[in-house]
Amino acid sequence: MGELRPLADDLSDECRQFAVMLRELFAGLGISVRRYAARRYRDPGTISRYLSGTRVPPWEFVLDLLTDLAAARSVPTTPDAVELLRERHRAAIHTSGSVGHAVEVLQNQLADADRAARSATLTEDALGRALLERQHRIADLEVRLGQLEAAWAAERARVETLEQELACPDHDREQLLHEQDRLRQEVRRLTDELEEVRRRGMLAEDRCQLLERQLAAVEAQGVASGETDEADEAESVGLSALTNAPPYATAHDTSGRTATTATTATAATAATATAGRATATAGRAGAATTTTAAAGRTAQHPAAAYPPPPAAAARGAGPRPKILIVDDQRDNLLAMEAVLATLGQELVAATSGREALRALLDHDDFAVILLDVQMPEMDGYETAAQIKRRPRNRDIPLLFLTAMGADPEHSSRGYAAGAVDYIAKPVDPWALRAKVSTFTEIFLERRHYSRHATTPYTGFPNSRFSDFRPIP
């Protein structure tokens, strides 16, 4: 376990390139794997797997290797080399397919949301102090203005002949009134800014809570699946269909736009991975039934690798929640069904926006909607607008899945349409299952509370779902 292994055969191009660069850096040290592991207080087998490409190491390991190499050669590492390694490391993580990738993505999002929340809090404090100072100045000016008006009225009533001498107080009064108007306008502006900052802070706090729940769900799935060093190597071939191999192939339809289609080998390879994991974890084999409204049929998907969430199993009373999947590509629908079948929920598929709207009229108990953006006739944004106009469906969480990328221009349009998340294809199956599982748990808790409580359900405190209403 402590010696350098050869490169794995089933590595993606990004993982292979990154592993080759790590091996070249390690070769510059001129020491064995076991000796370097003792130097850095690490496990020799883990370092060997890092260098063979079986696992993508954390960025801290790469920085330690660069530091040791610079010390051995007495030459500092250039920023260009560090940036190149950083890019290769991100590409390798994106294609590695491990649950660690989903955890890292969610941790980065959680860190960004936390920074936004702290920045909003600091800005709120600064604006609050400025607003309080202006209000004190306005109160002082009003006192001074009242005193001046009282003195001016008394002098005018007592001596009419002193009107010329009172012109100076008139001038002072005009200046004070002008200053009062200016300060009032500034107070209104600061009040609006403070409300906006508070709103952004609440959204950031809500996103932190949602990301923490998703992160906990991903980590719980990693623990429940029994992911160990040996299991990683045993199931690396099976998971390649959803992670290392591109889960979506690019095709062009008649309108000239780019659409993503799932490769037909995904389901077969996912079944192979499930069978391999089921052998290692006896007693967890099973099958999940996926129901599609478009086809009107029931398909069996292996679910041994990913057991149903315990919270959902504990609240199994009542009909199963439904998940609506909308995509104009049949292959994409099959791929999404294969990824989400392990959650044990009822999946309803639609191939267009109009079909999705009909499905929302025909079915109840939808926990979440997965909506494609690029669709003919009615795209995802227009479909989302139609859904939000319906009081019956406006509170269902919307997740956009699109091959257009996560650019701010596209993602901001998705959030403006009412989405709770905007996910770019190819989709990480671990992260997608975690997000959908989180919204399903929220839906089950809401339904359970609405059936047993005498007061309306108000959702979670400080959550963007606090305005959810009970299901009739």
Protein backbone atom coordinates (compact mmCIF):
# COMPACT_ATOMS: atom_id res chain seq x y z
CA MET A 1 0.00 0.00 0.00
CA GLY A 2 2.90 2.35 0.50
CA GLU A 3 4.47 2.07 -2.95
CA LEU A 4 3.64 4.07 -6.06
CA ARG A 5 0.90 2.42 -8.08
CA PRO A 6 0.55 2.64 -11.89
CA LEU A 7 -2.12 4.89 -13.33
CA ALA A 8 -5.63 3.41 -13.27
CA ASP A 9 -7.09 2.29 -16.60
CA ASP A 10 -10.60 3.77 -16.22
CA LEU A 11 -9.57 7.37 -15.47
CA SER A 12 -11.13 10.30 -17.27
CA ASP A 13 -8.87 12.60 -19.29
CA GLU A 14 -8.97 15.31 -16.61
CA CYS A 15 -8.13 12.89 -13.79
CA ARG A 16 -5.34 11.30 -15.81
CA GLN A 17 -3.74 14.67 -16.67
CA PHE A 18 -3.88 15.78 -13.05
CA ALA A 19 -2.43 12.46 -11.82
CA VAL A 20 0.45 12.71 -14.33
CA MET A 21 1.29 16.22 -13.09
CA LEU A 22 1.25 15.02 -9.46
CA ARG A 23 3.56 12.11 -10.30
CA GLU A 24 6.01 14.48 -12.03
CA LEU A 25 6.03 16.77 -8.98
CA PHE A 26 6.52 13.81 -6.63
CA ALA A 27 9.34 12.43 -8.76
CA GLY A 28 11.20 15.73 -8.21
CA LEU A 29 11.42 14.97 -4.48
CA GLY A 30 13.47 11.81 -5.11
CA ILE A 31 12.03 9.87 -2.13
CA SER A 32 9.68 6.93 -1.71
CA VAL A 33 5.97 7.14 -1.05
CA ARG A 34 6.35 5.62 2.41
CA ARG A 35 9.03 8.15 3.39
CA TYR A 36 6.97 11.09 2.17
CA ALA A 37 3.92 9.76 4.01
CA ALA A 38 5.95 9.65 7.24
CA ARG A 39 7.15 13.20 6.62
CA ARG A 40 3.63 14.57 6.17
CA TYR A 41 1.94 12.25 8.74
CA ARG A 42 -0.29 10.72 6.10
CA ASP A 43 -1.27 7.18 5.16
CA PRO A 44 1.06 5.69 2.47
CA GLY A 45 -1.83 3.91 0.75
CA THR A 46 -3.82 7.12 0.51
CA ILE A 47 -0.86 9.00 -1.07
CA SER A 48 -0.34 6.11 -3.49
CA ARG A 49 -3.99 6.33 -4.55
CA TYR A 50 -3.63 10.09 -5.02
CA LEU A 51 -0.65 9.60 -7.32
CA SER A 52 -2.29 6.79 -9.30
CA GLY A 53 -5.41 8.85 -10.01
CA THR A 54 -7.76 6.50 -8.13
CA ARG A 55 -8.63 9.40 -5.83
CA VAL A 56 -8.46 13.13 -6.31
CA PRO A 57 -6.48 14.57 -3.38
CA PRO A 58 -7.58 17.67 -1.48
CA TRP A 59 -6.02 20.95 -2.49
CA GLU A 60 -4.06 21.11 0.79
CA PHE A 61 -2.12 17.98 -0.25
CA VAL A 62 -1.18 19.63 -3.57
CA LEU A 63 0.02 22.77 -1.77
CA ASP A 64 2.12 20.66 0.62
CA LEU A 65 3.68 18.85 -2.34
CA LEU A 66 4.52 22.16 -4.05
CA THR A 67 6.05 23.50 -0.82
CA ASP A 68 8.22 20.40 -0.35
CA LEU A 69 9.35 20.48 -3.98
CA ALA A 70 10.27 24.17 -3.76
CA ALA A 71 12.28 23.47 -0.59
CA ALA A 72 14.06 20.51 -2.21
CA ARG A 73 15.03 22.50 -5.33
CA SER A 74 15.55 25.84 -3.55
CA VAL A 75 13.42 27.44 -6.26
CA PRO A 76 10.05 29.06 -5.42
CA THR A 77 6.95 27.89 -7.25
CA THR A 78 5.63 30.32 -9.87
CA PRO A 79 2.04 31.61 -9.64
CA ASP A 80 1.35 30.32 -13.18
CA ALA A 81 2.23 26.78 -12.11
CA VAL A 82 -0.03 27.03 -9.06
CA GLU A 83 -2.91 28.34 -11.17
CA LEU A 84 -2.45 25.55 -13.75
CA LEU A 85 -2.52 22.93 -11.00
CA ARG A 86 -5.59 24.59 -9.51
CA GLU A 87 -7.46 24.38 -12.83
CA ARG A 88 -6.47 20.74 -13.36
CA HIS A 89 -7.51 19.95 -9.78
CA ARG A 90 -10.96 21.48 -10.28
CA ALA A 91 -11.44 19.61 -13.56
CA ALA A 92 -10.41 16.32 -11.95
CA ILE A 93 -12.83 16.84 -9.02
CA HIS A 94 -15.65 17.70 -11.43
CA THR A 95 -15.24 14.40 -13.31
CA SER A 96 -14.24 12.14 -10.41
CA GLY A 97 -17.82 11.22 -9.45
CA SER A 98 -17.16 10.73 -5.74
CA VAL A 99 -19.48 11.92 -3.02
CA GLY A 100 -16.60 14.16 -1.95
CA HIS A 101 -17.23 16.28 -5.03
CA ALA A 102 -20.82 16.96 -4.00
CA VAL A 103 -19.65 17.75 -0.47
CA GLU A 104 -17.00 20.19 -1.76
CA VAL A 105 -19.50 21.93 -4.08
CA LEU A 106 -22.01 22.36 -1.28
CA GLN A 107 -19.30 23.47 1.15
CA ASN A 108 -18.14 26.15 -1.34
CA GLN A 109 -21.73 27.31 -1.81
CA LEU A 110 -22.23 27.35 1.95
CA ALA A 111 -19.05 29.43 2.39
CA ASP A 112 -20.25 31.93 -0.24
CA ALA A 113 -23.66 32.20 1.37
CA ASP A 114 -22.07 32.65 4.80
CA ARG A 115 -19.82 35.43 3.47
CA ALA A 116 -22.85 37.13 1.93
CA ALA A 117 -24.75 36.87 5.20
CA ARG A 118 -21.87 38.32 7.23
CA SER A 119 -21.37 41.13 4.69
CA ALA A 120 -25.09 41.93 4.81
CA THR A 121 -24.96 42.02 8.62
CA LEU A 122 -22.03 44.45 8.64
CA THR A 123 -23.69 46.67 6.05
CA GLU A 124 -26.93 46.56 8.02
CA ASP A 125 -25.11 47.73 11.16
CA ALA A 126 -23.41 50.58 9.30
CA LEU A 127 -26.65 51.73 7.67
CA GLY A 128 -28.47 51.45 11.01
CA ARG A 129 -25.94 53.70 12.70
CA ALA A 130 -26.13 56.23 9.85
CA LEU A 131 -29.94 56.17 9.95
CA LEU A 132 -29.97 56.70 13.72
CA GLU A 133 -27.59 59.65 13.39
CA ARG A 134 -29.80 61.31 10.74
CA GLN A 135 -32.90 60.79 12.84
CA HIS A 136 -31.22 62.46 15.81
CA ARG A 137 -30.22 65.40 13.62
CA ILE A 138 -33.78 65.73 12.32
CA ALA A 139 -35.15 65.74 15.87
CA ASP A 140 -32.63 68.42 16.89
CA LEU A 141 -33.52 70.55 13.85
CA GLU A 142 -37.23 70.22 14.59
CA VAL A 143 -36.66 71.44 18.16
CA ARG A 144 -34.63 74.37 16.94
CA LEU A 145 -37.19 75.15 14.25
CA GLY A 146 -40.03 75.12 16.77
CA GLN A 147 -38.17 77.46 19.09
CA LEU A 148 -37.40 79.83 16.23
CA GLU A 149 -41.02 79.84 15.00
CA ALA A 150 -42.32 80.55 18.53
CA ALA A 151 -39.93 83.42 19.02
CA TRP A 152 -40.69 84.77 15.57
CA ALA A 153 -44.51 84.66 16.15
CA ALA A 154 -44.21 86.38 19.54
CA GLU A 155 -42.06 89.15 18.16
CA ARG A 156 -44.39 89.65 15.17
CA ALA A 157 -47.50 89.82 17.38
CA ARG A 158 -45.85 92.17 19.85
CA VAL A 159 -44.17 94.63 17.54
CA GLU A 160 -45.32 94.96 13.93
CA THR A 161 -42.62 97.49 13.31
CA LEU A 162 -39.89 94.91 13.75
CA GLU A 163 -40.76 92.93 10.57
CA GLN A 164 -37.67 94.18 8.80
CA GLU A 165 -35.48 93.04 11.66
CA LEU A 166 -37.18 89.65 11.64
CA ALA A 167 -36.13 89.07 8.01
CA CYS A 168 -32.94 87.46 9.23
CA PRO A 169 -34.81 84.78 11.26
CA ASP A 170 -37.01 84.23 8.16
CA HIS A 171 -33.86 83.53 6.20
CA ASP A 172 -32.60 81.17 8.91
CA ARG A 173 -35.96 79.42 8.94
CA GLU A 174 -35.81 78.78 5.19
CA GLN A 175 -32.34 77.29 5.55
CA LEU A 176 -33.48 75.04 8.37
CA LEU A 177 -36.53 73.88 6.38
CA HIS A 178 -34.32 73.12 3.38
CA GLU A 179 -31.90 71.17 5.59
CA GLN A 180 -34.84 69.28 7.11
CA ASP A 181 -36.16 68.27 3.67
CA ARG A 182 -32.72 67.13 2.58
CA LEU A 183 -32.24 65.02 5.71
CA ARG A 184 -35.68 63.47 5.34
CA GLN A 185 -34.88 62.44 1.78
CA GLU A 186 -31.61 60.94 2.98
CA VAL A 187 -33.45 59.07 5.74
CA ARG A 188 -35.87 57.60 3.19
CA ARG A 189 -32.98 56.52 0.99
CA LEU A 190 -31.12 54.94 3.90
CA THR A 191 -34.31 53.21 5.05
CA ASP A 192 -34.78 51.68 1.59
CA GLU A 193 -31.15 50.55 1.51
CA LEU A 194 -31.49 49.06 5.00
CA GLU A 195 -34.58 47.10 3.98
CA GLU A 196 -32.79 45.79 0.88
CA VAL A 197 -29.76 44.75 2.91
CA ARG A 198 -31.99 43.01 5.46
CA ARG A 199 -33.74 41.19 2.63
CA ARG A 200 -30.42 40.04 1.16
CA GLY A 201 -29.27 38.97 4.60
CA MET A 202 -32.42 36.90 5.14
CA LEU A 203 -32.01 35.26 1.72
CA ALA A 204 -28.38 34.47 2.52
CA GLU A 205 -29.34 33.00 5.90
CA ASP A 206 -32.07 30.93 4.24
CA ARG A 207 -29.60 29.67 1.67
CA CYS A 208 -27.17 28.75 4.46
CA GLN A 209 -29.85 26.67 6.19
CA LEU A 210 -30.84 24.98 2.91
CA LEU A 211 -27.23 24.22 2.00
CA GLU A 212 -26.56 22.85 5.48
CA ARG A 213 -29.51 20.47 5.09
CA GLN A 214 -28.30 19.41 1.64
CA LEU A 215 -24.76 18.93 2.94
CA ALA A 216 -26.06 16.78 5.80
CA ALA A 217 -28.09 14.71 3.33
CA VAL A 218 -25.03 14.16 1.09
CA GLU A 219 -22.88 13.14 4.04
CA ALA A 220 -25.64 10.83 5.32
CA GLN A 221 -25.84 9.16 1.90
CA GLY A 222 -22.05 8.73 1.88
CA VAL A 223 -22.14 7.07 5.34
CA ALA A 224 -25.19 4.91 4.52
CA SER A 225 -23.63 3.60 1.32
CA GLY A 226 -20.59 2.31 3.30
CA GLU A 227 -18.07 4.25 1.30
CA THR A 228 -14.56 3.01 2.26
CA ASP A 229 -11.22 2.85 0.57
CA GLU A 230 -11.92 -0.67 -0.74
CA ALA A 231 -15.51 0.18 -1.79
CA ASP A 232 -14.23 3.18 -3.77
CA GLU A 233 -12.03 0.92 -5.88
CA ALA A 234 -14.75 -1.77 -6.24
CA GLU A 235 -17.49 0.60 -7.47
CA SER A 236 -15.37 3.04 -9.50
CA VAL A 237 -16.31 1.17 -12.71
CA GLY A 238 -20.06 1.25 -11.91
CA LEU A 239 -20.27 4.93 -11.02
CA SER A 240 -18.42 5.98 -14.17
CA ALA A 241 -21.71 5.97 -16.08
CA LEU A 242 -23.08 8.87 -14.01
CA THR A 243 -19.82 10.69 -13.22
CA ASN A 244 -16.56 9.96 -15.10
CA ALA A 245 -18.27 9.28 -18.44
CA PRO A 246 -20.19 12.33 -19.75
CA PRO A 247 -23.80 11.69 -18.66
CA TYR A 248 -25.14 13.94 -21.37
CA ALA A 249 -24.15 13.86 -25.02
CA THR A 250 -24.67 17.02 -27.09
CA ALA A 251 -27.17 16.89 -29.94
CA HIS A 252 -28.76 19.56 -32.16
CA ASP A 253 -32.50 19.62 -32.77
CA THR A 254 -34.39 21.17 -35.72
CA SER A 255 -34.42 24.64 -34.14
CA GLY A 256 -30.61 24.77 -34.09
CA ARG A 257 -30.20 24.89 -30.31
CA THR A 258 -28.01 22.55 -28.30
CA ALA A 259 -29.74 19.92 -26.18
CA THR A 260 -28.29 17.36 -23.85
CA THR A 261 -29.16 13.70 -24.28
CA ALA A 262 -28.23 10.99 -21.83
CA THR A 263 -26.08 8.18 -23.11
CA THR A 264 -27.86 4.86 -23.43
CA ALA A 265 -25.08 3.06 -21.57
CA THR A 266 -25.87 4.97 -18.34
CA ALA A 267 -28.66 2.69 -17.13
CA ALA A 268 -26.74 -0.53 -17.85
CA THR A 269 -23.58 0.69 -16.15
CA ALA A 270 -25.55 2.05 -13.18
CA ALA A 271 -27.12 -1.40 -12.80
CA THR A 272 -23.63 -2.95 -12.82
CA ALA A 273 -22.48 -0.52 -10.11
CA THR A 274 -25.55 -1.28 -8.03
CA ALA A 275 -24.99 -5.03 -8.29
CA GLY A 276 -21.35 -4.63 -7.24
CA ARG A 277 -22.24 -2.52 -4.23
CA ALA A 278 -25.09 -4.85 -3.28
CA THR A 279 -22.57 -7.73 -3.04
CA ALA A 280 -20.40 -5.69 -0.64
CA THR A 281 -23.37 -4.53 1.47
CA ALA A 282 -25.62 -7.61 1.84
CA GLY A 283 -29.20 -6.95 2.88
CA ARG A 284 -29.47 -3.58 1.14
CA ALA A 285 -30.47 -4.83 -2.32
CA GLY A 286 -33.88 -3.77 -3.63
CA ALA A 287 -35.73 -2.10 -6.42
CA ALA A 288 -37.53 1.23 -6.64
CA THR A 289 -40.54 1.68 -8.86
CA THR A 290 -40.60 4.75 -11.08
CA THR A 291 -43.95 5.94 -12.38
CA THR A 292 -44.06 8.19 -15.45
CA ALA A 293 -47.24 10.04 -16.42
CA ALA A 294 -46.12 10.53 -20.02
CA ALA A 295 -45.59 6.84 -20.79
CA GLY A 296 -48.21 5.45 -18.41
CA ARG A 297 -45.99 2.54 -17.47
CA THR A 298 -43.92 1.32 -14.47
CA ALA A 299 -40.17 0.63 -14.77
CA GLN A 300 -37.94 -1.15 -12.27
CA HIS A 301 -34.67 0.54 -11.29
CA PRO A 302 -32.07 -1.04 -8.96
CA ALA A 303 -31.91 0.81 -5.67
CA ALA A 304 -29.54 -1.36 -3.64
CA ALA A 305 -26.70 1.16 -3.75
CA TYR A 306 -28.70 4.03 -2.29
CA PRO A 307 -31.18 3.16 0.52
CA PRO A 308 -34.24 5.44 0.98
CA PRO A 309 -33.83 8.42 3.33
CA PRO A 310 -34.64 7.40 6.91
CA ALA A 311 -36.78 10.49 7.51
CA ALA A 312 -39.00 9.61 4.54
CA ALA A 313 -39.27 5.99 5.67
CA ALA A 314 -40.28 7.07 9.18
CA ARG A 315 -43.10 9.24 7.77
CA GLY A 316 -44.38 6.70 5.27
CA ALA A 317 -48.06 7.27 6.15
CA GLY A 318 -50.15 8.63 3.31
CA PRO A 319 -49.47 8.69 -0.45
CA ARG A 320 -45.92 8.97 -1.69
CA PRO A 321 -44.81 12.47 -2.69
CA LYS A 322 -44.42 13.05 -6.41
CA ILE A 323 -41.47 14.56 -8.27
CA LEU A 324 -42.24 16.22 -11.62
CA ILE A 325 -39.44 15.96 -14.23
CA VAL A 326 -39.82 18.15 -17.34
CA ASP A 327 -37.47 17.70 -20.33
CA ASP A 328 -38.12 17.50 -24.06
CA GLN A 329 -35.41 14.82 -24.47
CA ARG A 330 -36.59 11.28 -23.66
CA ASP A 331 -33.03 10.14 -22.87
CA ASN A 332 -32.65 12.91 -20.29
CA LEU A 333 -35.92 11.84 -18.65
CA LEU A 334 -34.69 8.24 -18.41
CA ALA A 335 -31.40 9.40 -16.90
CA MET A 336 -33.14 11.58 -14.31
CA GLU A 337 -35.49 8.70 -13.43
CA ALA A 338 -32.49 6.40 -12.92
CA VAL A 339 -30.82 8.95 -10.62
CA LEU A 340 -33.93 9.74 -8.54
CA ALA A 341 -35.51 6.28 -8.44
CA THR A 342 -33.52 5.42 -5.31
CA LEU A 343 -35.40 8.06 -3.27
CA GLY A 344 -38.54 5.89 -3.36
CA GLN A 345 -40.82 8.70 -4.55
CA GLU A 346 -43.30 8.66 -7.41
CA LEU A 347 -41.75 10.23 -10.52
CA VAL A 348 -43.99 11.98 -13.07
CA ALA A 349 -42.35 12.83 -16.40
CA ALA A 350 -43.38 15.49 -18.94
CA THR A 351 -41.81 16.25 -22.32
CA SER A 352 -43.02 19.86 -22.69
CA GLY A 353 -44.17 22.83 -20.68
CA ARG A 354 -47.82 22.32 -21.61
CA GLU A 355 -47.66 18.66 -20.62
CA ALA A 356 -46.13 19.70 -17.27
CA LEU A 357 -49.02 22.14 -16.64
CA ARG A 358 -51.53 19.37 -17.41
CA ALA A 359 -49.70 17.02 -15.02
CA LEU A 360 -49.98 19.62 -12.24
CA LEU A 361 -53.75 19.70 -12.81
CA ASP A 362 -54.09 15.90 -12.83
CA HIS A 363 -51.85 15.14 -9.83
CA ASP A 364 -51.41 16.33 -6.24
CA ASP A 365 -48.65 15.99 -3.64
CA PHE A 366 -45.76 17.29 -5.75
CA ALA A 367 -42.73 17.83 -3.52
CA VAL A 368 -40.41 19.41 -6.14
CA ILE A 369 -40.28 20.16 -9.88
CA LEU A 370 -37.14 19.60 -12.02
CA LEU A 371 -37.51 21.85 -15.05
CA ASP A 372 -35.40 22.01 -18.21
CA VAL A 373 -34.81 25.49 -19.69
CA GLN A 374 -34.38 24.84 -23.42
CA MET A 375 -37.66 23.42 -24.71
CA PRO A 376 -39.62 24.14 -27.92
CA GLU A 377 -42.84 26.19 -27.93
CA MET A 378 -42.75 26.99 -24.19
CA ASP A 379 -39.32 27.18 -22.53
CA GLY A 380 -38.57 26.58 -18.86
CA TYR A 381 -38.82 30.25 -17.85
CA GLU A 382 -42.30 30.63 -19.36
CA THR A 383 -43.41 27.33 -17.84
CA ALA A 384 -42.17 28.49 -14.42
CA ALA A 385 -44.11 31.74 -14.79
CA GLN A 386 -47.31 29.82 -15.58
CA ILE A 387 -46.76 27.56 -12.55
CA LYS A 388 -46.19 30.52 -10.20
CA ARG A 389 -49.43 32.16 -11.39
CA ARG A 390 -51.46 29.22 -10.08
CA PRO A 391 -52.26 29.48 -6.35
CA ARG A 392 -52.41 25.69 -6.17
CA ASN A 393 -48.83 25.20 -7.40
CA ARG A 394 -46.98 28.46 -6.66
CA ASP A 395 -45.36 27.08 -3.48
CA ILE A 396 -43.83 23.97 -5.12
CA PRO A 397 -39.99 24.36 -5.21
CA LEU A 398 -38.57 24.69 -8.76
CA LEU A 399 -35.09 23.44 -9.72
CA PHE A 400 -33.82 24.45 -13.16
CA LEU A 401 -31.63 21.87 -14.96
CA THR A 402 -30.00 23.33 -18.07
CA ALA A 403 -27.09 22.87 -20.44
CA MET A 404 -26.84 26.65 -20.94
CA GLY A 405 -24.33 26.93 -18.10
CA ALA A 406 -24.44 28.67 -14.71
CA ASP A 407 -23.54 32.16 -15.98
CA PRO A 408 -24.94 34.98 -13.81
CA GLU A 409 -27.12 36.13 -16.71
CA HIS A 410 -28.89 32.75 -16.97
CA SER A 411 -28.95 31.92 -13.26
CA SER A 412 -30.34 35.34 -12.30
CA ARG A 413 -33.13 34.90 -14.83
CA GLY A 414 -33.89 31.48 -13.33
CA TYR A 415 -34.04 32.86 -9.79
CA ALA A 416 -36.21 35.75 -11.00
CA ALA A 417 -38.63 33.18 -12.46
CA GLY A 418 -39.10 31.74 -8.96
CA ALA A 419 -36.56 28.91 -8.87
CA VAL A 420 -34.92 27.84 -5.61
CA ASP A 421 -31.82 26.53 -7.42
CA TYR A 422 -30.20 26.64 -10.84
CA ILE A 423 -28.15 23.53 -11.75
CA ALA A 424 -25.95 23.30 -14.85
CA LYS A 425 -25.60 20.05 -16.81
CA PRO A 426 -23.93 17.62 -16.62
CA VAL A 427 -25.57 17.10 -13.24
CA ASP A 428 -23.75 15.55 -10.29
CA PRO A 429 -26.08 12.69 -9.22
CA TRP A 430 -25.04 12.87 -5.55
CA ALA A 431 -25.80 16.60 -5.29
CA LEU A 432 -29.08 16.26 -7.22
CA ARG A 433 -30.31 13.42 -5.00
CA ALA A 434 -29.35 15.42 -1.90
CA LYS A 435 -31.24 18.52 -3.04
CA VAL A 436 -34.37 16.57 -4.07
CA SER A 437 -34.24 14.56 -0.82
CA THR A 438 -34.10 17.79 1.19
CA PHE A 439 -37.17 19.25 -0.50
CA THR A 440 -39.01 15.90 -0.14
CA GLU A 441 -38.32 15.89 3.61
CA ILE A 442 -39.62 19.48 3.87
CA PHE A 443 -42.76 18.43 1.98
CA LEU A 444 -43.33 15.39 4.24
CA GLU A 445 -42.90 17.49 7.39
CA ARG A 446 -45.29 20.09 6.06
CA ARG A 447 -47.92 17.47 5.19
CA HIS A 448 -47.50 15.68 8.52
CA TYR A 449 -47.89 18.94 10.45
CA SER A 450 -50.94 20.03 8.45
CA ARG A 451 -52.72 16.78 9.32
CA HIS A 452 -52.02 16.85 13.07
CA ALA A 453 -51.76 20.53 14.03
CA THR A 454 -54.70 22.86 14.76
CA THR A 455 -52.85 25.99 13.60
CA PRO A 456 -51.58 26.71 10.07
CA TYR A 457 -48.11 25.48 9.25
CA THR A 458 -45.56 28.30 9.18
CA GLY A 459 -42.56 26.32 7.96
CA PHE A 460 -39.06 26.54 9.32
CA PRO A 461 -37.95 29.76 11.11
CA ASN A 462 -36.00 32.19 8.94
CA SER A 463 -36.59 29.99 5.89
CA ARG A 464 -37.65 30.97 2.40
CA PHE A 465 -40.32 28.20 2.72
CA SER A 466 -41.94 29.86 5.75
CA ASP A 467 -44.92 30.95 3.62
CA PHE A 468 -45.88 27.38 2.62
CA ARG A 469 -49.55 26.69 3.23
CA PRO A 470 -51.00 23.30 4.30
CA ILE A 471 -52.21 21.00 1.55
CA PRO A 472 -56.04 20.95 1.52
